[in-house]
């Protein structure tokens, strides 16, 4: 049997103005490949909430003040061996100092007998 978790789901939230830059960076780094399709992702709209501390350099909002920003939540997948490259691409294209990234290992349907 092969090693588990060949695919990883990556989830990141990004302000609307930077949505396509982050989507393109993720795809260019190898995320979003499903069979014969590339650039695959799902997105939904929500509100991000944060309070930058005094040493932060916020792209949105003010230091020491709670801010809320309309953001898109992007969900996509990538091969396990591309995760570091995709995460680096997200960080390079994302306006936030510390984008919140979620990584979820995915089981393959063939793992269930």
N, C-alpha and C. Protein backbone atom coordinates (compact mmCIF):
# COMPACT_ATOMS: atom_id res chain seq x y z
N UNK A 1 0.84 -1.18 0.00
CA UNK A 1 0.00 0.00 0.00
C UNK A 1 0.89 1.25 0.00
N UNK A 2 0.48 2.26 -0.72
CA UNK A 2 1.26 3.49 -0.82
C UNK A 2 1.09 4.35 0.43
N UNK A 3 1.93 5.35 0.54
CA UNK A 3 1.88 6.25 1.70
C UNK A 3 0.56 7.01 1.72
N UNK A 4 0.01 7.23 2.92
CA UNK A 4 -1.26 7.96 3.00
C UNK A 4 -1.07 9.44 2.72
N UNK A 5 -2.15 10.09 2.50
CA UNK A 5 -2.19 11.55 2.35
C UNK A 5 -1.35 12.07 1.19
N UNK A 6 -1.68 11.61 0.00
CA UNK A 6 -1.00 12.12 -1.19
C UNK A 6 -1.46 13.53 -1.53
N UNK A 7 -2.70 13.82 -1.18
CA UNK A 7 -3.28 15.13 -1.48
C UNK A 7 -3.51 15.89 -0.18
N UNK A 8 -3.32 17.20 -0.24
CA UNK A 8 -3.54 18.08 0.89
C UNK A 8 -4.53 19.15 0.46
N UNK A 9 -5.53 19.41 1.29
CA UNK A 9 -6.44 20.53 1.05
C UNK A 9 -5.82 21.76 1.68
N UNK A 10 -5.74 22.83 0.91
CA UNK A 10 -5.22 24.10 1.40
C UNK A 10 -6.37 25.10 1.42
N UNK A 11 -6.51 25.77 2.55
CA UNK A 11 -7.54 26.78 2.73
C UNK A 11 -6.86 28.07 3.17
N UNK A 12 -7.21 29.17 2.51
CA UNK A 12 -6.67 30.49 2.88
C UNK A 12 -7.74 31.54 2.59
N UNK A 13 -7.77 32.57 3.41
CA UNK A 13 -8.68 33.70 3.18
C UNK A 13 -7.89 34.88 2.68
N UNK A 14 -8.49 35.62 1.75
CA UNK A 14 -7.79 36.73 1.11
C UNK A 14 -8.78 37.85 0.79
N UNK A 15 -8.38 39.12 0.97
CA UNK A 15 -9.26 40.23 0.59
C UNK A 15 -9.55 40.21 -0.91
N UNK A 16 -10.73 40.70 -1.27
CA UNK A 16 -11.20 40.64 -2.66
C UNK A 16 -10.21 41.23 -3.66
N UNK A 17 -9.55 42.33 -3.32
CA UNK A 17 -8.63 42.97 -4.26
C UNK A 17 -7.45 42.09 -4.64
N UNK A 18 -7.15 41.10 -3.82
CA UNK A 18 -5.99 40.23 -4.06
C UNK A 18 -6.39 38.80 -4.43
N UNK A 19 -7.68 38.57 -4.61
CA UNK A 19 -8.20 37.22 -4.87
C UNK A 19 -7.51 36.57 -6.06
N UNK A 20 -7.52 37.21 -7.20
CA UNK A 20 -7.00 36.56 -8.41
C UNK A 20 -5.49 36.42 -8.39
N UNK A 21 -4.79 37.33 -7.74
CA UNK A 21 -3.33 37.19 -7.62
C UNK A 21 -3.00 35.95 -6.82
N UNK A 22 -3.73 35.71 -5.72
CA UNK A 22 -3.47 34.53 -4.90
C UNK A 22 -3.91 33.26 -5.62
N UNK A 23 -5.08 33.29 -6.25
CA UNK A 23 -5.54 32.12 -7.02
C UNK A 23 -4.52 31.74 -8.09
N UNK A 24 -4.04 32.71 -8.84
CA UNK A 24 -3.08 32.44 -9.91
C UNK A 24 -1.75 31.92 -9.36
N UNK A 25 -1.30 32.51 -8.24
CA UNK A 25 -0.05 32.06 -7.63
C UNK A 25 -0.16 30.61 -7.18
N UNK A 26 -1.30 30.25 -6.58
CA UNK A 26 -1.51 28.88 -6.13
C UNK A 26 -1.49 27.91 -7.32
N UNK A 27 -2.21 28.26 -8.37
CA UNK A 27 -2.27 27.38 -9.55
C UNK A 27 -0.91 27.28 -10.23
N UNK A 28 -0.22 28.40 -10.36
CA UNK A 28 1.11 28.39 -10.98
C UNK A 28 2.10 27.53 -10.20
N UNK A 29 1.87 27.41 -8.88
CA UNK A 29 2.76 26.61 -8.03
C UNK A 29 2.36 25.13 -8.00
N UNK A 30 1.26 24.79 -8.66
CA UNK A 30 0.87 23.38 -8.77
C UNK A 30 -0.37 22.98 -8.00
N UNK A 31 -1.07 23.92 -7.39
CA UNK A 31 -2.31 23.58 -6.68
C UNK A 31 -3.48 23.54 -7.65
N UNK A 32 -4.53 22.84 -7.24
CA UNK A 32 -5.77 22.85 -8.01
C UNK A 32 -5.81 21.91 -9.19
N UNK A 33 -5.02 20.85 -9.16
CA UNK A 33 -5.02 19.87 -10.25
C UNK A 33 -5.89 18.69 -9.84
N UNK A 34 -6.94 18.46 -10.64
CA UNK A 34 -7.83 17.32 -10.42
C UNK A 34 -8.00 16.62 -11.77
N UNK A 35 -7.35 15.48 -11.91
CA UNK A 35 -7.43 14.75 -13.18
C UNK A 35 -6.92 15.60 -14.32
N UNK A 36 -7.75 15.81 -15.34
CA UNK A 36 -7.39 16.59 -16.52
C UNK A 36 -7.70 18.07 -16.38
N UNK A 37 -7.99 18.52 -15.17
CA UNK A 37 -8.35 19.91 -14.92
C UNK A 37 -7.29 20.59 -14.04
N UNK A 38 -7.04 21.87 -14.32
CA UNK A 38 -6.14 22.66 -13.49
C UNK A 38 -6.91 23.89 -13.00
N UNK A 39 -6.30 24.66 -12.11
CA UNK A 39 -6.90 25.88 -11.56
C UNK A 39 -8.21 25.61 -10.82
N UNK A 40 -8.37 24.40 -10.28
CA UNK A 40 -9.60 24.05 -9.56
C UNK A 40 -9.57 24.62 -8.15
N UNK A 41 -10.66 25.25 -7.76
CA UNK A 41 -10.77 25.77 -6.40
C UNK A 41 -12.25 26.05 -6.11
N UNK A 42 -12.51 26.29 -4.87
CA UNK A 42 -13.84 26.71 -4.43
C UNK A 42 -13.63 27.93 -3.56
N UNK A 43 -14.55 28.90 -3.64
CA UNK A 43 -14.43 30.06 -2.79
C UNK A 43 -15.80 30.49 -2.27
N UNK A 44 -15.75 31.10 -1.11
CA UNK A 44 -16.95 31.65 -0.50
C UNK A 44 -16.55 32.97 0.17
N UNK A 45 -17.55 33.81 0.43
CA UNK A 45 -17.28 35.12 1.01
C UNK A 45 -17.58 35.09 2.50
N UNK A 46 -16.72 35.75 3.26
CA UNK A 46 -16.92 35.87 4.69
C UNK A 46 -16.25 37.13 5.20
N UNK A 47 -16.15 37.24 6.50
CA UNK A 47 -15.54 38.41 7.12
C UNK A 47 -14.39 37.98 8.01
N UNK A 48 -13.21 38.51 7.75
CA UNK A 48 -12.06 38.27 8.60
C UNK A 48 -12.00 39.32 9.69
N UNK A 49 -11.60 38.92 10.88
CA UNK A 49 -11.51 39.84 12.02
C UNK A 49 -10.15 39.68 12.67
N UNK A 50 -9.50 40.80 12.98
CA UNK A 50 -8.15 40.74 13.55
C UNK A 50 -7.82 42.06 14.24
N UNK A 51 -6.81 42.00 15.11
CA UNK A 51 -6.31 43.19 15.80
C UNK A 51 -4.78 43.17 15.71
N UNK A 52 -4.18 43.99 14.85
CA UNK A 52 -2.73 44.04 14.75
C UNK A 52 -2.12 44.63 16.03
N UNK A 53 -1.04 44.02 16.51
CA UNK A 53 -0.38 44.59 17.69
C UNK A 53 0.51 45.76 17.27
N UNK A 54 1.20 46.36 18.22
CA UNK A 54 1.97 47.58 17.96
C UNK A 54 3.16 47.35 17.02
N UNK A 55 3.63 46.11 16.90
CA UNK A 55 4.78 45.85 16.02
C UNK A 55 4.36 45.37 14.63
N UNK A 56 3.06 45.25 14.39
CA UNK A 56 2.55 44.77 13.09
C UNK A 56 2.63 45.88 12.04
N UNK A 57 2.58 45.44 10.79
CA UNK A 57 2.50 46.36 9.65
C UNK A 57 1.29 45.94 8.83
N UNK A 58 0.08 46.28 9.30
CA UNK A 58 -1.13 45.75 8.66
C UNK A 58 -1.38 46.31 7.26
N UNK A 59 -1.79 45.42 6.36
CA UNK A 59 -2.19 45.83 5.02
C UNK A 59 -3.56 46.49 5.05
N UNK A 60 -4.36 46.12 6.03
CA UNK A 60 -5.69 46.67 6.23
C UNK A 60 -5.84 46.98 7.72
N UNK A 61 -6.58 48.02 8.04
CA UNK A 61 -6.84 48.35 9.43
C UNK A 61 -5.70 49.12 10.06
N UNK A 62 -5.82 49.34 11.37
CA UNK A 62 -4.86 50.12 12.14
C UNK A 62 -4.27 49.28 13.26
N UNK A 63 -3.05 49.60 13.65
CA UNK A 63 -2.42 48.94 14.79
C UNK A 63 -3.29 49.15 16.03
N UNK A 64 -3.35 48.13 16.88
CA UNK A 64 -4.04 48.18 18.17
C UNK A 64 -5.55 48.40 18.05
N UNK A 65 -6.12 48.17 16.87
CA UNK A 65 -7.57 48.34 16.70
C UNK A 65 -8.14 47.11 15.99
N UNK A 66 -9.29 46.68 16.44
CA UNK A 66 -9.95 45.54 15.80
C UNK A 66 -10.46 45.98 14.43
N UNK A 67 -10.18 45.17 13.43
CA UNK A 67 -10.60 45.44 12.06
C UNK A 67 -11.39 44.25 11.53
N UNK A 68 -12.27 44.53 10.60
CA UNK A 68 -13.00 43.49 9.88
C UNK A 68 -12.87 43.78 8.40
N UNK A 69 -12.57 42.73 7.64
CA UNK A 69 -12.36 42.86 6.20
C UNK A 69 -13.15 41.76 5.49
N UNK A 70 -13.86 42.14 4.42
CA UNK A 70 -14.52 41.13 3.60
C UNK A 70 -13.45 40.34 2.88
N UNK A 71 -13.52 39.04 3.01
CA UNK A 71 -12.51 38.16 2.43
C UNK A 71 -13.17 36.99 1.69
N UNK A 72 -12.42 36.46 0.76
CA UNK A 72 -12.80 35.21 0.11
C UNK A 72 -12.03 34.08 0.77
N UNK A 73 -12.72 33.01 1.08
CA UNK A 73 -12.09 31.79 1.57
C UNK A 73 -11.86 30.92 0.34
N UNK A 74 -10.60 30.62 0.07
CA UNK A 74 -10.23 29.78 -1.07
C UNK A 74 -9.92 28.39 -0.55
N UNK A 75 -10.49 27.38 -1.20
CA UNK A 75 -10.19 25.99 -0.88
C UNK A 75 -9.73 25.31 -2.16
N UNK A 76 -8.61 24.61 -2.07
CA UNK A 76 -8.10 23.86 -3.21
C UNK A 76 -7.29 22.67 -2.69
N UNK A 77 -6.76 21.89 -3.60
CA UNK A 77 -5.93 20.76 -3.21
C UNK A 77 -4.59 20.84 -3.92
N UNK A 78 -3.62 20.14 -3.37
CA UNK A 78 -2.35 20.00 -4.07
C UNK A 78 -1.69 18.70 -3.63
N UNK A 79 -0.77 18.25 -4.45
CA UNK A 79 0.00 17.06 -4.11
C UNK A 79 0.85 17.38 -2.89
N UNK A 80 1.02 16.39 -2.05
CA UNK A 80 1.78 16.57 -0.81
C UNK A 80 3.17 17.15 -1.07
N UNK A 81 3.81 16.73 -2.15
CA UNK A 81 5.17 17.20 -2.42
C UNK A 81 5.21 18.63 -2.97
N UNK A 82 4.06 19.27 -3.16
CA UNK A 82 4.00 20.66 -3.64
C UNK A 82 3.56 21.64 -2.55
N UNK A 83 3.27 21.14 -1.35
CA UNK A 83 2.70 21.99 -0.30
C UNK A 83 3.60 23.17 0.04
N UNK A 84 4.88 22.95 0.25
CA UNK A 84 5.78 24.04 0.63
C UNK A 84 5.87 25.09 -0.48
N UNK A 85 5.89 24.64 -1.73
CA UNK A 85 5.97 25.56 -2.87
C UNK A 85 4.68 26.37 -2.97
N UNK A 86 3.54 25.72 -2.81
CA UNK A 86 2.25 26.42 -2.89
C UNK A 86 2.11 27.41 -1.73
N UNK A 87 2.48 27.01 -0.53
CA UNK A 87 2.40 27.92 0.62
C UNK A 87 3.31 29.13 0.42
N UNK A 88 4.50 28.92 -0.13
CA UNK A 88 5.41 30.04 -0.41
C UNK A 88 4.80 30.98 -1.45
N UNK A 89 4.15 30.42 -2.45
CA UNK A 89 3.50 31.24 -3.48
C UNK A 89 2.35 32.06 -2.89
N UNK A 90 1.59 31.44 -2.00
CA UNK A 90 0.50 32.17 -1.33
C UNK A 90 1.07 33.34 -0.55
N UNK A 91 2.10 33.08 0.25
CA UNK A 91 2.69 34.14 1.07
C UNK A 91 3.25 35.28 0.21
N UNK A 92 3.80 34.95 -0.94
CA UNK A 92 4.37 35.98 -1.83
C UNK A 92 3.28 36.85 -2.46
N UNK A 93 2.12 36.27 -2.74
CA UNK A 93 1.05 37.00 -3.42
C UNK A 93 0.05 37.65 -2.46
N UNK A 94 0.05 37.21 -1.23
CA UNK A 94 -0.95 37.64 -0.24
C UNK A 94 -0.54 38.98 0.38
N UNK A 95 -1.50 39.88 0.61
CA UNK A 95 -1.13 41.18 1.18
C UNK A 95 -0.84 41.16 2.69
N UNK A 96 -1.29 40.12 3.40
CA UNK A 96 -1.12 40.09 4.85
C UNK A 96 0.28 39.62 5.23
N UNK A 97 0.79 40.14 6.32
CA UNK A 97 2.07 39.68 6.87
C UNK A 97 2.00 38.20 7.23
N UNK A 98 0.89 37.81 7.81
CA UNK A 98 0.69 36.44 8.29
C UNK A 98 -0.64 35.89 7.78
N UNK A 99 -0.70 35.44 6.53
CA UNK A 99 -1.97 34.85 6.07
C UNK A 99 -2.28 33.58 6.86
N UNK A 100 -3.54 33.40 7.20
CA UNK A 100 -3.94 32.21 7.93
C UNK A 100 -4.13 31.07 6.93
N UNK A 101 -3.29 30.06 7.03
CA UNK A 101 -3.33 28.90 6.14
C UNK A 101 -3.78 27.68 6.93
N UNK A 102 -4.68 26.92 6.35
CA UNK A 102 -5.08 25.64 6.93
C UNK A 102 -4.66 24.55 5.95
N UNK A 103 -4.05 23.50 6.47
CA UNK A 103 -3.63 22.35 5.67
C UNK A 103 -4.30 21.10 6.23
N UNK A 104 -5.04 20.40 5.37
CA UNK A 104 -5.75 19.20 5.78
C UNK A 104 -5.31 18.02 4.92
N UNK A 105 -4.75 16.97 5.51
CA UNK A 105 -4.42 15.78 4.73
C UNK A 105 -5.70 15.09 4.28
N UNK A 106 -5.71 14.62 3.05
CA UNK A 106 -6.90 13.98 2.48
C UNK A 106 -6.66 12.50 2.23
N UNK A 107 -7.63 11.71 2.61
CA UNK A 107 -7.59 10.28 2.29
C UNK A 107 -8.09 10.06 0.88
N UNK A 108 -7.59 9.03 0.25
CA UNK A 108 -8.05 8.61 -1.07
C UNK A 108 -9.19 7.63 -0.91
N UNK A 109 -10.16 7.67 -1.80
CA UNK A 109 -11.29 6.75 -1.69
C UNK A 109 -10.85 5.29 -1.73
N UNK A 110 -9.69 5.02 -2.32
CA UNK A 110 -9.18 3.65 -2.37
C UNK A 110 -8.64 3.17 -1.02
N UNK A 111 -8.50 4.09 -0.07
CA UNK A 111 -8.06 3.71 1.27
C UNK A 111 -9.16 3.00 2.04
N UNK A 112 -10.37 3.05 1.52
CA UNK A 112 -11.52 2.42 2.19
C UNK A 112 -11.90 1.16 1.44
N UNK A 113 -11.89 0.03 2.16
CA UNK A 113 -12.23 -1.23 1.51
C UNK A 113 -13.49 -1.80 2.09
